[in-house]
């Protein structure tokens, strides 16, 4: 496991989350190896189901391990080869997201799948990777039968209006998701 993590090519996180103007959660793009920052625990059945469904509706064969860890601020994907990698998510974060919008955790996991299955051209810069993963999430949500308004609401429940050096602003991310939704 430690070797797999140390050879990861890409490490990304969903960084911004705004629940109310008074209560913001900003995740840190951190990925902890066992014994370093917290243990990795096998992901829940629901997370496995959501990732498997995303791969199926996207018609992609992949080998993605799914773990949960409280040492990850929200969710992260690491890639070790074409369509091979792992997703680590914080179960508390996912629970909060589900409370805000039932499709938000599905969108998050589909986004992380997008990082693993996305074209290598997305690795040019972090914003391109994030927008590419949002595109994949939009496509997966449409193929899962999620309404356009529910898919958009899921993204709106997750992000703050402002971007960061590594992540685009909400309007750009919603545009990428919409494009993926419309083109699939």
N, C-alpha and C. Protein backbone atom coordinates (compact mmCIF):
# COMPACT_ATOMS: atom_id res chain seq x y z
N UNK A 1 0.83 -1.19 0.00
CA UNK A 1 0.00 0.00 0.00
C UNK A 1 0.87 1.25 0.00
N UNK A 2 1.90 1.27 0.86
CA UNK A 2 2.75 2.45 0.96
C UNK A 2 3.44 2.73 -0.37
N UNK A 3 3.91 1.68 -1.05
CA UNK A 3 4.56 1.84 -2.34
C UNK A 3 3.59 2.40 -3.36
N UNK A 4 2.35 1.89 -3.35
CA UNK A 4 1.33 2.38 -4.28
C UNK A 4 1.12 3.87 -4.09
N UNK A 5 1.00 4.30 -2.84
CA UNK A 5 0.77 5.70 -2.56
C UNK A 5 1.96 6.57 -2.94
N UNK A 6 3.15 6.07 -2.73
CA UNK A 6 4.33 6.89 -3.03
C UNK A 6 4.55 7.03 -4.52
N UNK A 7 3.96 6.14 -5.32
CA UNK A 7 4.12 6.22 -6.77
C UNK A 7 2.95 6.90 -7.45
N UNK A 8 2.05 7.44 -6.69
CA UNK A 8 0.88 8.10 -7.28
C UNK A 8 1.30 9.25 -8.17
N UNK A 9 0.63 9.36 -9.28
CA UNK A 9 0.94 10.41 -10.25
C UNK A 9 0.19 11.69 -9.95
N UNK A 10 -1.07 11.58 -9.65
CA UNK A 10 -1.91 12.75 -9.45
C UNK A 10 -2.59 12.67 -8.09
N UNK A 11 -2.62 13.76 -7.39
CA UNK A 11 -3.34 13.81 -6.13
C UNK A 11 -4.17 15.09 -6.13
N UNK A 12 -5.46 14.92 -6.06
CA UNK A 12 -6.34 16.07 -6.13
C UNK A 12 -7.41 15.99 -5.06
N UNK A 13 -7.94 17.11 -4.71
CA UNK A 13 -9.02 17.15 -3.73
C UNK A 13 -10.09 18.13 -4.18
N UNK A 14 -11.25 17.91 -3.66
CA UNK A 14 -12.29 18.93 -3.76
C UNK A 14 -12.05 19.82 -2.55
N UNK A 15 -11.64 21.06 -2.79
CA UNK A 15 -11.16 21.89 -1.69
C UNK A 15 -12.21 22.77 -1.04
N UNK A 16 -13.13 23.28 -1.79
CA UNK A 16 -13.98 24.30 -1.20
C UNK A 16 -15.39 23.79 -0.98
N UNK A 17 -15.91 24.13 0.16
CA UNK A 17 -17.27 23.74 0.51
C UNK A 17 -17.85 24.85 1.36
N UNK A 18 -19.03 25.30 1.02
CA UNK A 18 -19.65 26.33 1.82
C UNK A 18 -21.06 25.88 2.19
N UNK A 19 -21.30 25.68 3.47
CA UNK A 19 -22.61 25.23 3.91
C UNK A 19 -23.51 26.43 4.16
N UNK A 20 -23.05 27.39 4.90
CA UNK A 20 -23.78 28.64 5.11
C UNK A 20 -22.73 29.73 5.09
N UNK A 21 -23.15 30.98 4.93
CA UNK A 21 -22.15 32.04 4.96
C UNK A 21 -21.34 32.05 6.25
N UNK A 22 -21.94 31.60 7.34
CA UNK A 22 -21.23 31.64 8.62
C UNK A 22 -20.39 30.40 8.89
N UNK A 23 -20.64 29.34 8.14
CA UNK A 23 -19.96 28.08 8.43
C UNK A 23 -19.36 27.53 7.15
N UNK A 24 -18.07 27.69 7.00
CA UNK A 24 -17.39 27.18 5.81
C UNK A 24 -16.44 26.06 6.20
N UNK A 25 -16.36 25.08 5.33
CA UNK A 25 -15.42 23.99 5.48
C UNK A 25 -14.48 24.05 4.30
N UNK A 26 -13.21 24.16 4.55
CA UNK A 26 -12.24 24.14 3.48
C UNK A 26 -11.33 22.95 3.73
N UNK A 27 -11.37 22.01 2.83
CA UNK A 27 -10.56 20.81 2.97
C UNK A 27 -9.12 21.10 2.60
N UNK A 28 -8.24 20.36 3.17
CA UNK A 28 -6.84 20.46 2.83
C UNK A 28 -6.51 19.29 1.93
N UNK A 29 -5.82 19.55 0.86
CA UNK A 29 -5.47 18.48 -0.06
C UNK A 29 -4.41 17.62 0.61
N UNK A 30 -4.85 16.71 1.41
CA UNK A 30 -3.94 15.87 2.18
C UNK A 30 -4.34 14.42 2.02
N UNK A 31 -3.38 13.59 1.87
CA UNK A 31 -3.61 12.17 1.69
C UNK A 31 -2.68 11.46 2.63
N UNK A 32 -3.22 10.75 3.59
CA UNK A 32 -2.39 10.15 4.63
C UNK A 32 -2.17 8.67 4.40
N UNK A 33 -0.94 8.26 4.51
CA UNK A 33 -0.60 6.85 4.43
C UNK A 33 -0.83 6.24 5.81
N UNK A 34 -1.17 4.95 5.86
CA UNK A 34 -1.35 4.32 7.17
C UNK A 34 -0.13 4.55 8.06
N UNK A 35 -0.40 4.94 9.29
CA UNK A 35 0.68 5.15 10.25
C UNK A 35 1.28 6.55 10.17
N UNK A 36 0.94 7.31 9.15
CA UNK A 36 1.50 8.65 9.01
C UNK A 36 0.51 9.70 9.48
N UNK A 37 -0.72 9.65 8.97
CA UNK A 37 -1.69 10.66 9.36
C UNK A 37 -3.04 10.07 9.69
N UNK A 38 -3.17 8.79 9.64
CA UNK A 38 -4.43 8.15 9.95
C UNK A 38 -4.64 6.94 9.07
N UNK A 39 -5.41 6.00 9.58
CA UNK A 39 -5.59 4.76 8.83
C UNK A 39 -6.58 4.90 7.68
N UNK A 40 -6.39 4.07 6.68
CA UNK A 40 -7.36 3.94 5.60
C UNK A 40 -8.24 2.75 5.94
N UNK A 41 -9.54 2.94 5.83
CA UNK A 41 -10.50 1.89 6.12
C UNK A 41 -11.28 1.64 4.84
N UNK A 42 -11.59 0.38 4.56
CA UNK A 42 -12.36 0.05 3.37
C UNK A 42 -13.59 0.95 3.28
N UNK A 43 -13.89 1.46 2.09
CA UNK A 43 -15.03 2.34 1.89
C UNK A 43 -16.34 1.62 2.11
N UNK A 44 -17.40 2.40 2.27
CA UNK A 44 -18.72 1.83 2.51
C UNK A 44 -19.29 1.19 1.25
N UNK A 45 -20.29 0.35 1.45
CA UNK A 45 -20.98 -0.27 0.33
C UNK A 45 -21.59 0.76 -0.60
N UNK A 46 -22.11 1.84 -0.03
CA UNK A 46 -22.71 2.90 -0.85
C UNK A 46 -21.65 3.54 -1.75
N UNK A 47 -20.47 3.81 -1.22
CA UNK A 47 -19.40 4.41 -2.03
C UNK A 47 -18.98 3.46 -3.14
N UNK A 48 -18.84 2.18 -2.82
CA UNK A 48 -18.50 1.20 -3.86
C UNK A 48 -19.56 1.20 -4.95
N UNK A 49 -20.81 1.18 -4.53
CA UNK A 49 -21.92 1.16 -5.49
C UNK A 49 -21.89 2.40 -6.38
N UNK A 50 -21.67 3.57 -5.80
CA UNK A 50 -21.64 4.81 -6.59
C UNK A 50 -20.49 4.81 -7.59
N UNK A 51 -19.32 4.34 -7.17
CA UNK A 51 -18.17 4.30 -8.08
C UNK A 51 -18.41 3.26 -9.18
N UNK A 52 -18.90 2.09 -8.82
CA UNK A 52 -19.18 1.06 -9.82
C UNK A 52 -20.24 1.55 -10.81
N UNK A 53 -21.26 2.23 -10.32
CA UNK A 53 -22.29 2.76 -11.20
C UNK A 53 -21.70 3.80 -12.14
N UNK A 54 -20.86 4.69 -11.62
CA UNK A 54 -20.24 5.70 -12.48
C UNK A 54 -19.41 5.04 -13.58
N UNK A 55 -18.61 4.04 -13.23
CA UNK A 55 -17.80 3.34 -14.24
C UNK A 55 -18.70 2.66 -15.27
N UNK A 56 -19.78 2.04 -14.80
CA UNK A 56 -20.67 1.32 -15.71
C UNK A 56 -21.35 2.28 -16.68
N UNK A 57 -21.93 3.38 -16.17
CA UNK A 57 -22.64 4.30 -17.06
C UNK A 57 -21.69 5.04 -17.99
N UNK A 58 -20.43 5.17 -17.58
CA UNK A 58 -19.43 5.80 -18.45
C UNK A 58 -18.79 4.79 -19.40
N UNK A 59 -19.18 3.53 -19.24
CA UNK A 59 -18.68 2.45 -20.08
C UNK A 59 -17.15 2.35 -20.02
N UNK A 60 -16.66 2.36 -18.78
CA UNK A 60 -15.21 2.30 -18.55
C UNK A 60 -14.92 1.13 -17.62
N UNK A 61 -13.92 0.37 -17.97
CA UNK A 61 -13.44 -0.67 -17.06
C UNK A 61 -12.30 -0.07 -16.26
N UNK A 62 -12.42 -0.17 -14.97
CA UNK A 62 -11.38 0.39 -14.13
C UNK A 62 -11.15 -0.46 -12.90
N UNK A 63 -10.04 -0.23 -12.28
CA UNK A 63 -9.68 -0.91 -11.04
C UNK A 63 -9.44 0.20 -10.02
N UNK A 64 -10.50 0.52 -9.28
CA UNK A 64 -10.43 1.63 -8.34
C UNK A 64 -10.73 1.11 -6.94
N UNK A 65 -9.76 1.27 -6.05
CA UNK A 65 -9.95 0.92 -4.65
C UNK A 65 -10.58 2.12 -3.94
N UNK A 66 -11.46 1.85 -3.00
CA UNK A 66 -12.19 2.92 -2.31
C UNK A 66 -11.96 2.77 -0.81
N UNK A 67 -11.50 3.86 -0.19
CA UNK A 67 -11.22 3.87 1.24
C UNK A 67 -11.86 5.09 1.88
N UNK A 68 -12.07 4.99 3.17
CA UNK A 68 -12.49 6.17 3.93
C UNK A 68 -11.43 6.46 4.99
N UNK A 69 -11.27 7.73 5.29
CA UNK A 69 -10.29 8.15 6.29
C UNK A 69 -10.68 9.53 6.80
N UNK A 70 -10.57 9.70 8.09
CA UNK A 70 -10.86 11.00 8.69
C UNK A 70 -9.70 11.97 8.51
N UNK A 71 -8.56 11.49 8.01
CA UNK A 71 -7.41 12.37 7.81
C UNK A 71 -7.47 13.09 6.47
N UNK A 72 -8.45 12.77 5.63
CA UNK A 72 -8.66 13.47 4.37
C UNK A 72 -9.75 14.50 4.61
N UNK A 73 -9.54 15.72 4.17
CA UNK A 73 -10.51 16.78 4.41
C UNK A 73 -11.86 16.50 3.77
N UNK A 74 -11.87 15.92 2.59
CA UNK A 74 -13.11 15.67 1.88
C UNK A 74 -13.00 14.43 1.00
N UNK A 75 -12.40 14.55 -0.17
CA UNK A 75 -12.20 13.40 -1.05
C UNK A 75 -10.97 13.64 -1.91
N UNK A 76 -10.31 12.56 -2.26
CA UNK A 76 -9.10 12.65 -3.07
C UNK A 76 -8.98 11.42 -3.95
N UNK A 77 -8.35 11.59 -5.08
CA UNK A 77 -8.08 10.47 -5.98
C UNK A 77 -6.59 10.44 -6.26
N UNK A 78 -6.05 9.24 -6.34
CA UNK A 78 -4.68 9.09 -6.80
C UNK A 78 -4.69 8.08 -7.93
N UNK A 79 -3.85 8.32 -8.90
CA UNK A 79 -3.82 7.52 -10.12
C UNK A 79 -2.49 6.78 -10.18
N UNK A 80 -2.57 5.48 -10.50
CA UNK A 80 -1.34 4.70 -10.63
C UNK A 80 -1.18 4.13 -12.04
N UNK A 81 -2.15 4.32 -12.88
CA UNK A 81 -2.09 3.83 -14.25
C UNK A 81 -3.40 4.13 -14.95
N UNK A 82 -3.51 3.79 -16.23
CA UNK A 82 -4.75 4.05 -16.96
C UNK A 82 -5.95 3.35 -16.29
N UNK A 83 -6.91 4.15 -15.85
CA UNK A 83 -8.13 3.67 -15.20
C UNK A 83 -7.87 2.86 -13.93
N UNK A 84 -6.72 3.08 -13.32
CA UNK A 84 -6.35 2.39 -12.09
C UNK A 84 -5.96 3.43 -11.04
N UNK A 85 -6.54 3.30 -9.87
CA UNK A 85 -6.19 4.24 -8.81
C UNK A 85 -6.99 3.97 -7.57
N UNK A 86 -7.05 4.96 -6.71
CA UNK A 86 -7.86 4.83 -5.52
C UNK A 86 -8.49 6.16 -5.16
N UNK A 87 -9.61 6.02 -4.49
CA UNK A 87 -10.35 7.18 -3.99
C UNK A 87 -10.41 7.04 -2.48
N UNK A 88 -10.10 8.13 -1.80
CA UNK A 88 -10.21 8.18 -0.35
C UNK A 88 -11.16 9.33 -0.02
N UNK A 89 -12.12 9.07 0.85
CA UNK A 89 -13.07 10.11 1.22
C UNK A 89 -13.25 10.13 2.73
N UNK A 90 -13.65 11.29 3.21
CA UNK A 90 -13.94 11.46 4.63
C UNK A 90 -15.43 11.15 4.83
N UNK A 91 -15.77 10.13 5.62
CA UNK A 91 -17.18 9.76 5.78
C UNK A 91 -18.01 10.86 6.44
N UNK A 92 -17.43 11.65 7.32
CA UNK A 92 -18.17 12.75 7.93
C UNK A 92 -18.52 13.81 6.89
N UNK A 93 -17.56 14.14 6.06
CA UNK A 93 -17.78 15.10 4.98
C UNK A 93 -18.89 14.60 4.05
N UNK A 94 -18.83 13.33 3.66
CA UNK A 94 -19.84 12.77 2.76
C UNK A 94 -21.21 12.79 3.40
N UNK A 95 -21.27 12.54 4.70
CA UNK A 95 -22.55 12.61 5.42
C UNK A 95 -23.14 14.01 5.39
N UNK A 96 -22.29 15.01 5.59
CA UNK A 96 -22.75 16.41 5.52
C UNK A 96 -23.24 16.74 4.12
N UNK A 97 -22.53 16.25 3.13
CA UNK A 97 -22.93 16.50 1.75
C UNK A 97 -24.28 15.85 1.44
N UNK A 98 -24.46 14.62 1.90
CA UNK A 98 -25.72 13.92 1.67
C UNK A 98 -26.87 14.69 2.31
N UNK A 99 -26.62 15.23 3.50
CA UNK A 99 -27.64 16.02 4.19
C UNK A 99 -28.04 17.24 3.37
N UNK A 100 -27.09 17.87 2.71
CA UNK A 100 -27.37 19.05 1.89
C UNK A 100 -28.06 18.71 0.58
N UNK A 101 -27.64 17.59 -0.03
CA UNK A 101 -28.19 17.19 -1.32
C UNK A 101 -27.84 15.72 -1.53
N UNK A 102 -28.83 14.88 -1.73
CA UNK A 102 -28.59 13.44 -1.83
C UNK A 102 -27.67 13.07 -2.99
N UNK A 103 -27.56 13.93 -4.00
CA UNK A 103 -26.72 13.62 -5.15
C UNK A 103 -25.30 14.15 -5.00
N UNK A 104 -25.05 14.96 -3.99
CA UNK A 104 -23.71 15.53 -3.81
C UNK A 104 -22.63 14.45 -3.63
N UNK A 105 -22.82 13.45 -2.75
CA UNK A 105 -21.77 12.42 -2.61
C UNK A 105 -21.55 11.64 -3.90
N UNK A 106 -22.63 11.39 -4.64
CA UNK A 106 -22.51 10.68 -5.92
C UNK A 106 -21.70 11.53 -6.89
N UNK A 107 -21.99 12.82 -6.92
CA UNK A 107 -21.26 13.74 -7.79
C UNK A 107 -19.78 13.81 -7.40
N UNK A 108 -19.51 13.83 -6.10
CA UNK A 108 -18.13 13.87 -5.62
C UNK A 108 -17.37 12.63 -6.07
N UNK A 109 -17.95 11.46 -5.86
CA UNK A 109 -17.28 10.22 -6.24
C UNK A 109 -17.13 10.12 -7.75
N UNK A 110 -18.14 10.56 -8.51
CA UNK A 110 -18.02 10.56 -9.97
C UNK A 110 -16.92 11.52 -10.41
N UNK A 111 -16.78 12.64 -9.73
CA UNK A 111 -15.71 13.60 -9.99
C UNK A 111 -14.35 12.94 -9.77
N UNK A 112 -14.21 12.22 -8.65
CA UNK A 112 -12.94 11.55 -8.37
C UNK A 112 -12.66 10.45 -9.40
N UNK A 113 -13.71 9.74 -9.82
CA UNK A 113 -13.55 8.77 -10.91
C UNK A 113 -13.02 9.49 -12.15
N UNK A 114 -13.53 10.69 -12.41
CA UNK A 114 -13.08 11.48 -13.56
C UNK A 114 -11.59 11.75 -13.52
N UNK A 115 -11.05 11.97 -12.33
CA UNK A 115 -9.60 12.17 -12.22
C UNK A 115 -8.84 10.91 -12.62
N UNK A 116 -9.39 9.76 -12.30
CA UNK A 116 -8.70 8.50 -12.57
C UNK A 116 -8.83 8.10 -14.04
N UNK A 117 -9.99 8.32 -14.64
CA UNK A 117 -10.20 7.86 -16.01
C UNK A 117 -9.98 8.96 -17.05
N UNK A 118 -9.75 10.19 -16.60
CA UNK A 118 -9.63 11.32 -17.50
C UNK A 118 -8.41 11.27 -18.39
N UNK A 119 -8.52 11.94 -19.53
CA UNK A 119 -7.37 12.02 -20.45
C UNK A 119 -6.16 12.66 -19.79
N UNK A 120 -4.99 12.24 -20.21
CA UNK A 120 -3.75 12.78 -19.63
C UNK A 120 -3.59 14.27 -19.92
N UNK A 121 -4.28 14.79 -20.93
CA UNK A 121 -4.18 16.22 -21.24
C UNK A 121 -4.67 17.06 -20.07
N UNK A 122 -5.54 16.51 -19.23
CA UNK A 122 -6.02 17.25 -18.08
C UNK A 122 -4.92 17.52 -17.07
N UNK A 123 -3.84 16.79 -17.14
CA UNK A 123 -2.79 16.97 -16.15
C UNK A 123 -1.91 18.19 -16.42
N UNK A 124 -2.24 18.95 -17.46
CA UNK A 124 -1.47 20.14 -17.79
C UNK A 124 -1.47 21.13 -16.63
N UNK A 125 -2.62 21.40 -16.07
CA UNK A 125 -2.71 22.28 -14.91
C UNK A 125 -3.88 21.84 -14.04
N UNK A 126 -3.88 22.27 -12.80
CA UNK A 126 -4.88 21.78 -11.85
C UNK A 126 -6.30 22.21 -12.22
N UNK A 127 -6.46 23.42 -12.76
CA UNK A 127 -7.81 23.85 -13.14
C UNK A 127 -8.35 22.96 -14.25
N UNK A 128 -7.54 22.61 -15.22
CA UNK A 128 -7.99 21.73 -16.31
C UNK A 128 -8.38 20.36 -15.76
N UNK A 129 -7.60 19.85 -14.82
CA UNK A 129 -7.94 18.55 -14.21
C UNK A 129 -9.28 18.63 -13.49
N UNK A 130 -9.47 19.69 -12.73
CA UNK A 130 -10.72 19.83 -11.98
C UNK A 130 -11.92 19.99 -12.92
N UNK A 131 -11.79 20.83 -13.92
CA UNK A 131 -12.90 21.03 -14.86
C UNK A 131 -13.18 19.77 -15.66
N UNK A 132 -12.14 19.03 -16.01
CA UNK A 132 -12.32 17.76 -16.70
C UNK A 132 -13.06 16.76 -15.83
N UNK A 133 -12.72 16.70 -14.55
CA UNK A 133 -13.40 15.79 -13.63
C UNK A 133 -14.84 16.22 -13.41
N UNK A 134 -15.10 17.52 -13.38
CA UNK A 134 -16.47 18.01 -13.27
C UNK A 134 -17.28 17.63 -14.51
N UNK A 135 -16.66 17.69 -15.67
CA UNK A 135 -17.29 17.27 -16.92
C UNK A 135 -17.71 15.80 -16.83
N UNK A 136 -16.79 14.95 -16.38
CA UNK A 136 -17.08 13.52 -16.23
C UNK A 136 -18.22 13.32 -15.23
N UNK A 137 -18.21 14.06 -14.14
CA UNK A 137 -19.27 13.95 -13.14
C UNK A 137 -20.62 14.29 -13.76
N UNK A 138 -20.68 15.36 -14.55
CA UNK A 138 -21.93 15.73 -15.21
C UNK A 138 -22.42 14.64 -16.14
N UNK A 139 -21.51 14.08 -16.90
CA UNK A 139 -21.86 12.99 -17.81
C UNK A 139 -22.39 11.78 -17.04
N UNK A 140 -21.70 11.41 -15.98
CA UNK A 140 -22.12 10.25 -15.18
C UNK A 140 -23.49 10.50 -14.55
N UNK A 141 -23.69 11.68 -13.99
CA UNK A 141 -24.98 11.98 -13.36
C UNK A 141 -26.12 11.89 -14.37
N UNK A 142 -25.91 12.41 -15.56
CA UNK A 142 -26.96 12.32 -16.58
C UNK A 142 -27.27 10.86 -16.90
N UNK A 143 -26.23 10.07 -17.09
CA UNK A 143 -26.44 8.67 -17.45
C UNK A 143 -27.01 7.85 -16.29
N UNK A 144 -26.90 8.37 -15.07
CA UNK A 144 -27.51 7.72 -13.91
C UNK A 144 -28.98 8.09 -13.78
N UNK A 145 -29.43 9.03 -14.61
CA UNK A 145 -30.83 9.44 -14.56
C UNK A 145 -31.11 10.59 -13.61
N UNK A 146 -30.07 11.27 -13.14
CA UNK A 146 -30.24 12.41 -12.26
C UNK A 146 -30.71 13.59 -13.10
N UNK A 147 -31.72 14.31 -12.63
CA UNK A 147 -32.20 15.46 -13.38
C UNK A 147 -31.13 16.54 -13.44
N UNK A 148 -31.23 17.39 -14.45
CA UNK A 148 -30.26 18.47 -14.61
C UNK A 148 -30.30 19.40 -13.40
N UNK A 149 -31.48 19.71 -12.90
CA UNK A 149 -31.57 20.61 -11.74
C UNK A 149 -30.97 19.97 -10.49
N UNK A 150 -31.16 18.66 -10.30
CA UNK A 150 -30.55 17.99 -9.15
C UNK A 150 -29.02 17.94 -9.28
N UNK A 151 -28.53 17.72 -10.49
CA UNK A 151 -27.08 17.68 -10.71
C UNK A 151 -26.47 19.05 -10.42
N UNK A 152 -27.11 20.10 -10.88
CA UNK A 152 -26.61 21.46 -10.63
C UNK A 152 -26.70 21.80 -9.15
N UNK A 153 -27.79 21.41 -8.50
CA UNK A 153 -27.94 21.68 -7.07
C UNK A 153 -26.87 20.96 -6.27
N UNK A 154 -26.49 19.77 -6.70
CA UNK A 154 -25.43 19.03 -6.01
C UNK A 154 -24.14 19.83 -6.03
N UNK A 155 -23.78 20.37 -7.19
CA UNK A 155 -22.55 21.16 -7.28
C UNK A 155 -22.66 22.44 -6.46
N UNK A 156 -23.80 23.09 -6.51
CA UNK A 156 -23.98 24.32 -5.75
C UNK A 156 -23.85 24.08 -4.25
N UNK A 157 -24.20 22.90 -3.79
CA UNK A 157 -24.12 22.62 -2.35
C UNK A 157 -22.69 22.37 -1.90
N UNK A 158 -21.79 22.14 -2.84
CA UNK A 158 -20.42 21.75 -2.47
C UNK A 158 -19.41 22.87 -2.47
N UNK A 159 -19.56 23.84 -3.31
CA UNK A 159 -18.46 24.77 -3.54
C UNK A 159 -18.76 26.18 -3.08
N UNK A 160 -17.70 26.90 -2.78
CA UNK A 160 -17.83 28.32 -2.51
C UNK A 160 -17.79 29.05 -3.85
N UNK A 161 -18.17 30.28 -3.84
CA UNK A 161 -18.23 31.04 -5.09
C UNK A 161 -16.85 31.37 -5.63
N UNK A 162 -15.84 31.32 -4.78
CA UNK A 162 -14.51 31.73 -5.19
C UNK A 162 -13.62 30.53 -5.47
N UNK A 163 -12.76 30.67 -6.43
CA UNK A 163 -11.81 29.62 -6.74
C UNK A 163 -10.58 29.72 -5.87
N UNK A 164 -9.63 28.87 -6.14
CA UNK A 164 -8.35 28.87 -5.44
C UNK A 164 -7.27 28.63 -6.49
N UNK A 165 -6.01 28.68 -6.12
CA UNK A 165 -4.97 28.39 -7.11
C UNK A 165 -5.10 27.00 -7.73
N UNK A 166 -5.68 26.05 -6.99
CA UNK A 166 -5.80 24.69 -7.53
C UNK A 166 -7.19 24.34 -8.05
N UNK A 167 -8.21 25.10 -7.66
CA UNK A 167 -9.58 24.77 -8.03
C UNK A 167 -10.32 25.99 -8.57
N UNK A 168 -11.03 25.81 -9.69
CA UNK A 168 -11.78 26.92 -10.29
C UNK A 168 -12.95 27.37 -9.41
N UNK A 169 -13.49 28.54 -9.75
CA UNK A 169 -14.64 29.07 -9.05
C UNK A 169 -15.89 28.24 -9.40
N UNK A 170 -16.92 28.37 -8.59
CA UNK A 170 -18.15 27.60 -8.77
C UNK A 170 -18.77 27.77 -10.15
N UNK A 171 -18.93 28.99 -10.68
CA UNK A 171 -19.55 29.10 -12.00
C UNK A 171 -18.79 28.32 -13.09
N UNK A 172 -17.47 28.32 -13.04
CA UNK A 172 -16.69 27.57 -14.02
C UNK A 172 -16.90 26.07 -13.86
N UNK A 173 -16.98 25.63 -12.62
CA UNK A 173 -17.18 24.20 -12.36
C UNK A 173 -18.57 23.76 -12.79
N UNK A 174 -19.56 24.59 -12.52
CA UNK A 174 -20.92 24.26 -12.95
C UNK A 174 -21.00 24.23 -14.47
N UNK A 175 -20.33 25.18 -15.14
CA UNK A 175 -20.31 25.17 -16.61
C UNK A 175 -19.70 23.87 -17.14
N UNK A 176 -18.62 23.40 -16.53
CA UNK A 176 -17.98 22.15 -16.97
C UNK A 176 -18.91 20.97 -16.74
N UNK A 177 -19.59 20.94 -15.59
CA UNK A 177 -20.53 19.87 -15.30
C UNK A 177 -21.70 19.91 -16.30
N UNK A 178 -22.21 21.11 -16.57
CA UNK A 178 -23.31 21.25 -17.53
C UNK A 178 -22.91 20.75 -18.91
N UNK A 179 -21.70 21.09 -19.32
CA UNK A 179 -21.22 20.64 -20.62
C UNK A 179 -21.16 19.12 -20.68
N UNK A 180 -20.64 18.50 -19.63
CA UNK A 180 -20.60 17.05 -19.56
C UNK A 180 -21.99 16.46 -19.57
N UNK A 181 -22.90 17.08 -18.84
CA UNK A 181 -24.28 16.60 -18.78
C UNK A 181 -24.93 16.70 -20.16
N UNK A 182 -24.74 17.81 -20.84
CA UNK A 182 -25.38 18.04 -22.13
C UNK A 182 -24.76 17.21 -23.26
N UNK A 183 -23.48 16.92 -23.19
CA UNK A 183 -22.82 16.23 -24.27
C UNK A 183 -22.84 14.70 -24.16
N UNK A 184 -23.35 14.20 -23.05
CA UNK A 184 -23.41 12.73 -22.87
C UNK A 184 -24.78 12.18 -23.25
